[in-house]
Amino acid sequence: MTNSRLLAELTIQAKVKAHSAPSVCPCGAIRTLADRPDATVVRHAHTVAKAHAPDTAAADLTPRLTTATHLRGTLLSPLSPTPVALHGRLVTFWPYGTPVDPENPDAAPWEDAATLLARLHRTPTPTPLPPMRGPAKAALAVARLRAAGPHSATASVLRAWSTLPAWARAESPMPDTTTLCHGDLHLGQLVRHPVPDGPWLLIDVDDLGLGVAAWDLARPAAWFACGVLPPDEWSRFLTAYRTADGPAVPADGDPWPALDVPARALTVQTAARSIAKAVAADRALDEVEQAMVDACDRMGSAPSDLE
């Protein structure tokens, strides 16, 4: 759990940002939205404060924040493009947006997510950016798996990891470093702003950068391939992306030559994180987690034709 002193002071900072006189604030309690080693997020009224991962560099985060301020209508803009330091962590402030309702999967905004991605991928970079962090996050998940301790599925996931090309394992540069990418797309990365029912926007710029656009489609593609995402929802997402002229896949025909490597990488990443969490909690894998591990087992045992 994150340092309690950091959480307490982040709460104060959120109140200060929301009000000129936080001591007489009538808005009620702070809500903790996330409290993980890589991010602590709190909300007060319509202001959100986020403490980024300890290894986040200002030289990388600041241009990502600046990009978000330029891409209104696609990315949620921060309240300030300049992070502040708090207990050795960079902190940013954001307007609160209405998130996707996890209890109502039928209302998942697949078309909106795909359209926003296509728009992002077609947008020239307004400021120099570092590489998109998708492969680096996958490599971090595998590193955590190796450190988690013994599990019967670990070997299958590591075999699948070894079939991927070096760029997908963050061991060499990505083949495309010109396309603006989100880097960690899932439905938790969308909010409506202004609340409660404004247009959907992408959030979380920590992994934003230049790289392989297909990586942003890889998580739903992996879920579909593993039988976790229903075919009709995958079709809605892919069709909307193509309709919006997204460049990651061909306008028609088979999308999998473009999606195969990123989808395999996200499958490994998800399986690796699932096993590490299961080991830490001393529990069995759930049905979805097991489906990802089973897919890794198939990947590792099939002949590899990845380049």
Protein backbone atom coordinates (compact mmCIF):
# COMPACT_ATOMS: atom_id res chain seq x y z
CA MET A 1 0.00 0.00 0.00
CA THR A 2 1.17 3.49 -0.77
CA ASN A 3 2.76 5.62 1.98
CA SER A 4 -0.04 6.96 4.20
CA ARG A 5 1.75 10.28 4.54
CA LEU A 6 1.71 10.70 0.75
CA LEU A 7 -2.00 9.88 0.64
CA ALA A 8 -2.77 12.38 3.42
CA GLU A 9 -0.84 15.20 1.77
CA LEU A 10 -2.26 14.37 -1.65
CA THR A 11 -5.70 14.81 -0.09
CA ILE A 12 -4.72 18.27 1.13
CA GLN A 13 -3.37 19.19 -2.29
CA ALA A 14 -6.63 18.12 -3.95
CA LYS A 15 -8.62 20.34 -1.59
CA VAL A 16 -6.30 23.28 -2.18
CA LYS A 17 -6.63 22.87 -5.94
CA ALA A 18 -10.41 22.59 -5.72
CA HIS A 19 -10.94 25.55 -3.36
CA SER A 20 -9.25 28.71 -2.30
CA ALA A 21 -10.29 27.97 1.31
CA PRO A 22 -10.21 24.17 1.78
CA SER A 23 -10.65 24.43 5.56
CA VAL A 24 -14.27 25.53 5.10
CA CYS A 25 -15.00 23.18 2.21
CA PRO A 26 -18.66 22.01 2.10
CA CYS A 27 -18.06 19.26 -0.49
CA GLY A 28 -17.64 16.30 1.83
CA ALA A 29 -14.95 13.67 2.10
CA ILE A 30 -12.10 12.89 -0.25
CA ARG A 31 -12.51 9.71 -2.27
CA THR A 32 -9.51 7.51 -2.97
CA LEU A 33 -9.89 6.29 -6.56
CA ALA A 34 -6.66 4.26 -6.68
CA ASP A 35 -3.87 3.46 -4.23
CA ARG A 36 -1.21 1.33 -5.89
CA PRO A 37 2.60 1.38 -5.91
CA ASP A 38 2.53 2.93 -9.40
CA ALA A 39 -0.25 5.49 -8.82
CA THR A 40 -2.27 7.10 -6.05
CA VAL A 41 -5.38 8.99 -7.18
CA VAL A 42 -7.81 10.96 -5.01
CA ARG A 43 -10.89 13.00 -5.83
CA HIS A 44 -12.34 16.03 -4.10
CA ALA A 45 -15.48 17.52 -5.63
CA HIS A 46 -14.66 18.02 -9.31
CA THR A 47 -10.86 17.87 -8.89
CA VAL A 48 -8.66 14.78 -9.15
CA ALA A 49 -5.07 14.64 -7.88
CA LYS A 50 -2.73 11.91 -9.09
CA ALA A 51 0.66 10.92 -7.70
CA HIS A 52 2.50 9.19 -10.52
CA ALA A 53 4.84 6.20 -10.29
CA PRO A 54 8.05 6.88 -8.31
CA ASP A 55 10.25 6.46 -11.39
CA THR A 56 8.27 8.95 -13.52
CA ALA A 57 10.60 11.58 -14.97
CA ALA A 58 9.43 15.17 -15.34
CA ALA A 59 11.21 15.32 -18.70
CA ASP A 60 8.87 12.58 -19.96
CA LEU A 61 5.65 13.51 -18.16
CA THR A 62 5.66 17.23 -18.96
CA PRO A 63 5.51 16.88 -22.78
CA ARG A 64 2.76 14.28 -22.34
CA LEU A 65 0.77 16.77 -20.27
CA THR A 66 1.43 19.48 -22.82
CA THR A 67 0.14 17.20 -25.57
CA ALA A 68 -3.07 16.62 -23.62
CA THR A 69 -3.65 20.37 -23.34
CA HIS A 70 -3.39 20.65 -27.14
CA LEU A 71 -5.70 17.74 -27.95
CA ARG A 72 -8.95 18.86 -26.34
CA GLY A 73 -11.77 16.71 -27.62
CA THR A 74 -9.56 13.62 -27.68
CA LEU A 75 -7.63 13.66 -24.38
CA LEU A 76 -8.82 15.03 -21.06
CA SER A 77 -6.77 18.16 -20.38
CA PRO A 78 -4.95 18.58 -17.05
CA LEU A 79 -5.71 21.60 -14.89
CA SER A 80 -2.02 22.49 -15.31
CA PRO A 81 0.56 21.13 -17.76
CA THR A 82 3.28 21.32 -15.11
CA PRO A 83 3.56 18.57 -12.46
CA VAL A 84 4.46 19.38 -8.86
CA ALA A 85 6.66 17.31 -6.54
CA LEU A 86 5.34 15.70 -3.37
CA HIS A 87 7.40 13.25 -1.28
CA GLY A 88 9.54 12.37 -4.26
CA ARG A 89 6.53 11.78 -6.53
CA LEU A 90 5.25 13.90 -9.40
CA VAL A 91 1.66 15.04 -8.88
CA THR A 92 -0.82 16.28 -11.48
CA PHE A 93 -4.34 17.72 -11.21
CA TRP A 94 -7.31 16.95 -13.44
CA PRO A 95 -10.99 17.70 -13.78
CA TYR A 96 -13.19 14.81 -12.69
CA GLY A 97 -14.98 12.87 -15.42
CA THR A 98 -17.69 10.22 -15.27
CA PRO A 99 -16.05 6.82 -15.77
CA VAL A 100 -17.38 3.79 -17.62
CA ASP A 101 -19.81 1.85 -15.43
CA PRO A 102 -18.23 -1.58 -14.80
CA GLU A 103 -21.64 -2.91 -13.70
CA ASN A 104 -23.21 -2.17 -17.08
CA PRO A 105 -21.10 -3.92 -19.74
CA ASP A 106 -23.83 -3.51 -22.36
CA ALA A 107 -23.24 0.24 -22.23
CA ALA A 108 -19.48 -0.04 -22.82
CA PRO A 109 -18.52 2.75 -25.24
CA TRP A 110 -16.59 0.61 -27.73
CA GLU A 111 -17.40 2.85 -30.70
CA ASP A 112 -16.38 5.99 -28.83
CA ALA A 113 -13.13 4.41 -27.69
CA ALA A 114 -12.29 3.32 -31.23
CA THR A 115 -13.15 6.70 -32.73
CA LEU A 116 -11.01 8.52 -30.16
CA LEU A 117 -8.10 6.19 -30.86
CA ALA A 118 -8.38 6.70 -34.61
CA ARG A 119 -8.41 10.46 -34.09
CA LEU A 120 -5.37 10.25 -31.81
CA HIS A 121 -3.48 8.06 -34.29
CA ARG A 122 -4.13 10.53 -37.13
CA THR A 123 -3.01 13.56 -35.12
CA PRO A 124 0.43 15.08 -35.75
CA THR A 125 2.39 15.32 -32.52
CA PRO A 126 2.10 18.89 -31.20
CA THR A 127 5.32 18.58 -29.15
CA PRO A 128 8.28 16.15 -29.13
CA LEU A 129 7.39 13.03 -27.17
CA PRO A 130 9.20 9.97 -25.81
CA PRO A 131 8.31 6.50 -27.11
CA MET A 132 4.95 4.98 -26.23
CA ARG A 133 5.42 2.81 -23.13
CA GLY A 134 3.32 -0.23 -24.10
CA PRO A 135 6.20 -2.68 -24.63
CA ALA A 136 7.96 -1.37 -21.52
CA LYS A 137 4.84 -2.08 -19.45
CA ALA A 138 4.63 -5.60 -20.85
CA ALA A 139 8.28 -6.18 -19.94
CA LEU A 140 7.64 -4.84 -16.43
CA ALA A 141 4.74 -7.30 -15.99
CA VAL A 142 7.02 -10.18 -17.01
CA ALA A 143 9.71 -8.98 -14.59
CA ARG A 144 7.14 -8.97 -11.79
CA LEU A 145 6.09 -12.47 -12.78
CA ARG A 146 9.68 -13.70 -12.51
CA ALA A 147 9.95 -12.14 -9.04
CA ALA A 148 6.56 -13.36 -7.79
CA GLY A 149 7.56 -16.85 -6.78
CA PRO A 150 6.68 -20.30 -8.13
CA HIS A 151 3.44 -20.94 -9.99
CA SER A 152 2.47 -23.79 -12.28
CA ALA A 153 1.61 -21.43 -15.16
CA THR A 154 4.76 -19.30 -15.09
CA ALA A 155 6.72 -21.43 -17.55
CA SER A 156 3.94 -21.25 -20.17
CA VAL A 157 3.78 -17.47 -19.97
CA LEU A 158 7.56 -17.11 -20.23
CA ARG A 159 7.63 -19.42 -23.27
CA ALA A 160 4.99 -17.25 -24.95
CA TRP A 161 7.02 -14.15 -24.09
CA SER A 162 10.08 -15.65 -25.78
CA THR A 163 8.19 -16.02 -29.09
CA LEU A 164 7.68 -12.26 -29.40
CA PRO A 165 10.03 -10.05 -31.43
CA ALA A 166 12.54 -7.97 -29.52
CA TRP A 167 10.69 -4.67 -30.01
CA ALA A 168 7.53 -6.07 -28.36
CA ARG A 169 9.65 -7.10 -25.35
CA ALA A 170 11.14 -3.57 -25.10
CA GLU A 171 14.56 -4.95 -26.03
CA SER A 172 14.92 -2.90 -29.23
CA PRO A 173 13.26 0.21 -30.72
CA MET A 174 9.73 -0.09 -32.07
CA PRO A 175 9.43 -0.32 -35.86
CA ASP A 176 7.19 2.77 -35.96
CA THR A 177 8.10 5.88 -34.02
CA THR A 178 5.93 8.41 -35.83
CA THR A 179 2.37 7.63 -34.73
CA LEU A 180 0.89 9.21 -31.61
CA CYS A 181 -0.35 6.39 -29.35
CA HIS A 182 -2.10 6.15 -26.00
CA GLY A 183 -0.03 3.17 -24.85
CA ASP A 184 -2.47 1.56 -22.39
CA LEU A 185 -5.96 1.56 -23.84
CA HIS A 186 -8.79 -0.11 -21.93
CA LEU A 187 -12.29 1.02 -20.97
CA GLY A 188 -11.03 2.36 -17.65
CA GLN A 189 -9.18 4.99 -19.66
CA LEU A 190 -12.32 6.80 -20.75
CA VAL A 191 -14.44 9.38 -18.93
CA ARG A 192 -17.28 11.70 -19.81
CA HIS A 193 -16.41 15.37 -19.37
CA PRO A 194 -18.05 17.64 -18.40
CA VAL A 195 -19.87 15.42 -15.92
CA PRO A 196 -22.20 13.69 -15.96
CA ASP A 197 -22.82 13.07 -19.65
CA GLY A 198 -20.35 15.09 -21.69
CA PRO A 199 -18.45 13.52 -24.60
CA TRP A 200 -16.12 10.60 -23.94
CA LEU A 201 -12.42 11.48 -23.65
CA LEU A 202 -9.25 9.44 -23.19
CA ILE A 203 -7.43 9.81 -19.87
CA ASP A 204 -4.07 8.77 -18.37
CA VAL A 205 -1.13 10.12 -20.36
CA ASP A 206 1.58 8.20 -18.47
CA ASP A 207 2.23 5.89 -21.44
CA LEU A 208 1.44 8.36 -24.24
CA GLY A 209 4.08 8.59 -26.95
CA LEU A 210 5.20 7.64 -30.42
CA GLY A 211 5.05 4.05 -31.52
CA VAL A 212 3.04 1.20 -33.07
CA ALA A 213 -0.60 2.23 -33.33
CA ALA A 214 -1.82 -1.38 -33.31
CA TRP A 215 -0.69 -1.62 -29.68
CA ASP A 216 -3.68 0.54 -28.72
CA LEU A 217 -6.03 -2.03 -30.25
CA ALA A 218 -4.21 -4.98 -28.74
CA ARG A 219 -6.05 -5.40 -25.45
CA PRO A 220 -9.56 -5.79 -26.97
CA ALA A 221 -8.01 -7.86 -29.77
CA ALA A 222 -6.40 -10.16 -27.20
CA TRP A 223 -9.61 -10.43 -25.22
CA PHE A 224 -11.50 -11.35 -28.38
CA ALA A 225 -8.91 -13.93 -29.42
CA CYS A 226 -9.00 -15.48 -25.93
CA GLY A 227 -12.80 -15.67 -25.89
CA VAL A 228 -13.19 -13.01 -23.19
CA LEU A 229 -14.65 -10.25 -25.41
CA PRO A 230 -17.79 -11.28 -27.37
CA PRO A 231 -17.40 -11.20 -31.18
CA ASP A 232 -20.08 -8.54 -31.62
CA GLU A 233 -18.30 -6.13 -29.26
CA TRP A 234 -14.97 -6.70 -31.01
CA SER A 235 -16.72 -6.11 -34.35
CA ARG A 236 -18.22 -2.85 -33.08
CA PHE A 237 -14.82 -1.64 -31.91
CA LEU A 238 -12.94 -2.63 -35.07
CA THR A 239 -15.64 -1.30 -37.42
CA ALA A 240 -15.76 2.05 -35.64
CA TYR A 241 -11.96 2.36 -35.79
CA ARG A 242 -11.97 1.67 -39.51
CA THR A 243 -14.89 4.00 -40.13
CA ALA A 244 -12.90 6.76 -38.44
CA ASP A 245 -9.96 6.05 -40.78
CA GLY A 246 -7.71 4.65 -38.08
CA PRO A 247 -4.29 3.80 -39.58
CA ALA A 248 -3.35 0.83 -37.36
CA VAL A 249 -5.11 -1.79 -39.53
CA PRO A 250 -6.08 -1.97 -43.22
CA ALA A 251 -9.37 -0.31 -44.16
CA ASP A 252 -10.81 -3.73 -44.96
CA GLY A 253 -9.78 -7.35 -45.02
CA ASP A 254 -7.90 -9.29 -42.37
CA PRO A 255 -6.64 -7.03 -39.52
CA TRP A 256 -4.61 -9.73 -37.79
CA PRO A 257 -1.28 -9.34 -39.61
CA ALA A 258 -1.11 -5.89 -37.97
CA LEU A 259 -2.60 -6.94 -34.63
CA ASP A 260 -0.95 -10.30 -34.05
CA VAL A 261 2.25 -9.25 -32.26
CA PRO A 262 0.68 -6.56 -30.03
CA ALA A 263 -2.25 -8.84 -29.16
CA ARG A 264 0.13 -11.63 -28.17
CA ALA A 265 2.16 -9.21 -26.09
CA LEU A 266 -0.94 -7.97 -24.24
CA THR A 267 -2.02 -11.55 -23.65
CA VAL A 268 1.34 -12.27 -21.99
CA GLN A 269 1.22 -9.02 -20.03
CA THR A 270 -2.26 -9.76 -18.70
CA ALA A 271 -1.40 -13.35 -17.83
CA ALA A 272 1.83 -12.30 -16.12
CA ARG A 273 0.08 -9.70 -13.98
CA SER A 274 -2.70 -12.16 -13.13
CA ILE A 275 -0.28 -14.81 -11.91
CA ALA A 276 1.74 -12.32 -9.87
CA LYS A 277 -1.44 -11.10 -8.16
CA ALA A 278 -2.65 -14.65 -7.57
CA VAL A 279 0.66 -15.65 -5.99
CA ALA A 280 0.65 -12.57 -3.75
CA ALA A 281 -2.91 -13.30 -2.61
CA ASP A 282 -2.35 -17.07 -2.38
CA ARG A 283 -5.41 -17.76 -4.54
CA ALA A 284 -6.31 -19.64 -7.69
CA LEU A 285 -6.65 -17.94 -11.05
CA ASP A 286 -10.17 -16.92 -11.98
CA GLU A 287 -11.83 -17.90 -15.27
CA VAL A 288 -10.67 -14.88 -17.25
CA GLU A 289 -7.12 -15.11 -15.91
CA GLN A 290 -6.99 -18.80 -16.76
CA ALA A 291 -8.15 -18.04 -20.32
CA MET A 292 -5.16 -15.73 -20.76
CA VAL A 293 -2.77 -18.33 -19.39
CA ASP A 294 -4.27 -20.98 -21.70
CA ALA A 295 -3.71 -18.66 -24.65
CA CYS A 296 -0.07 -18.22 -23.63
CA ASP A 297 0.28 -21.99 -23.48
CA ARG A 298 -0.97 -22.24 -27.07
CA MET A 299 1.34 -19.42 -28.15
CA GLY A 300 4.37 -21.07 -26.61
CA SER A 301 3.71 -24.49 -28.11
CA ALA A 302 2.89 -23.30 -31.66
CA PRO A 303 5.60 -22.66 -34.26
CA SER A 304 6.48 -18.99 -34.26
CA ASP A 305 6.33 -16.98 -37.48
CA LEU A 306 6.64 -13.60 -35.82
CA GLU A 307 9.10 -11.13 -37.25
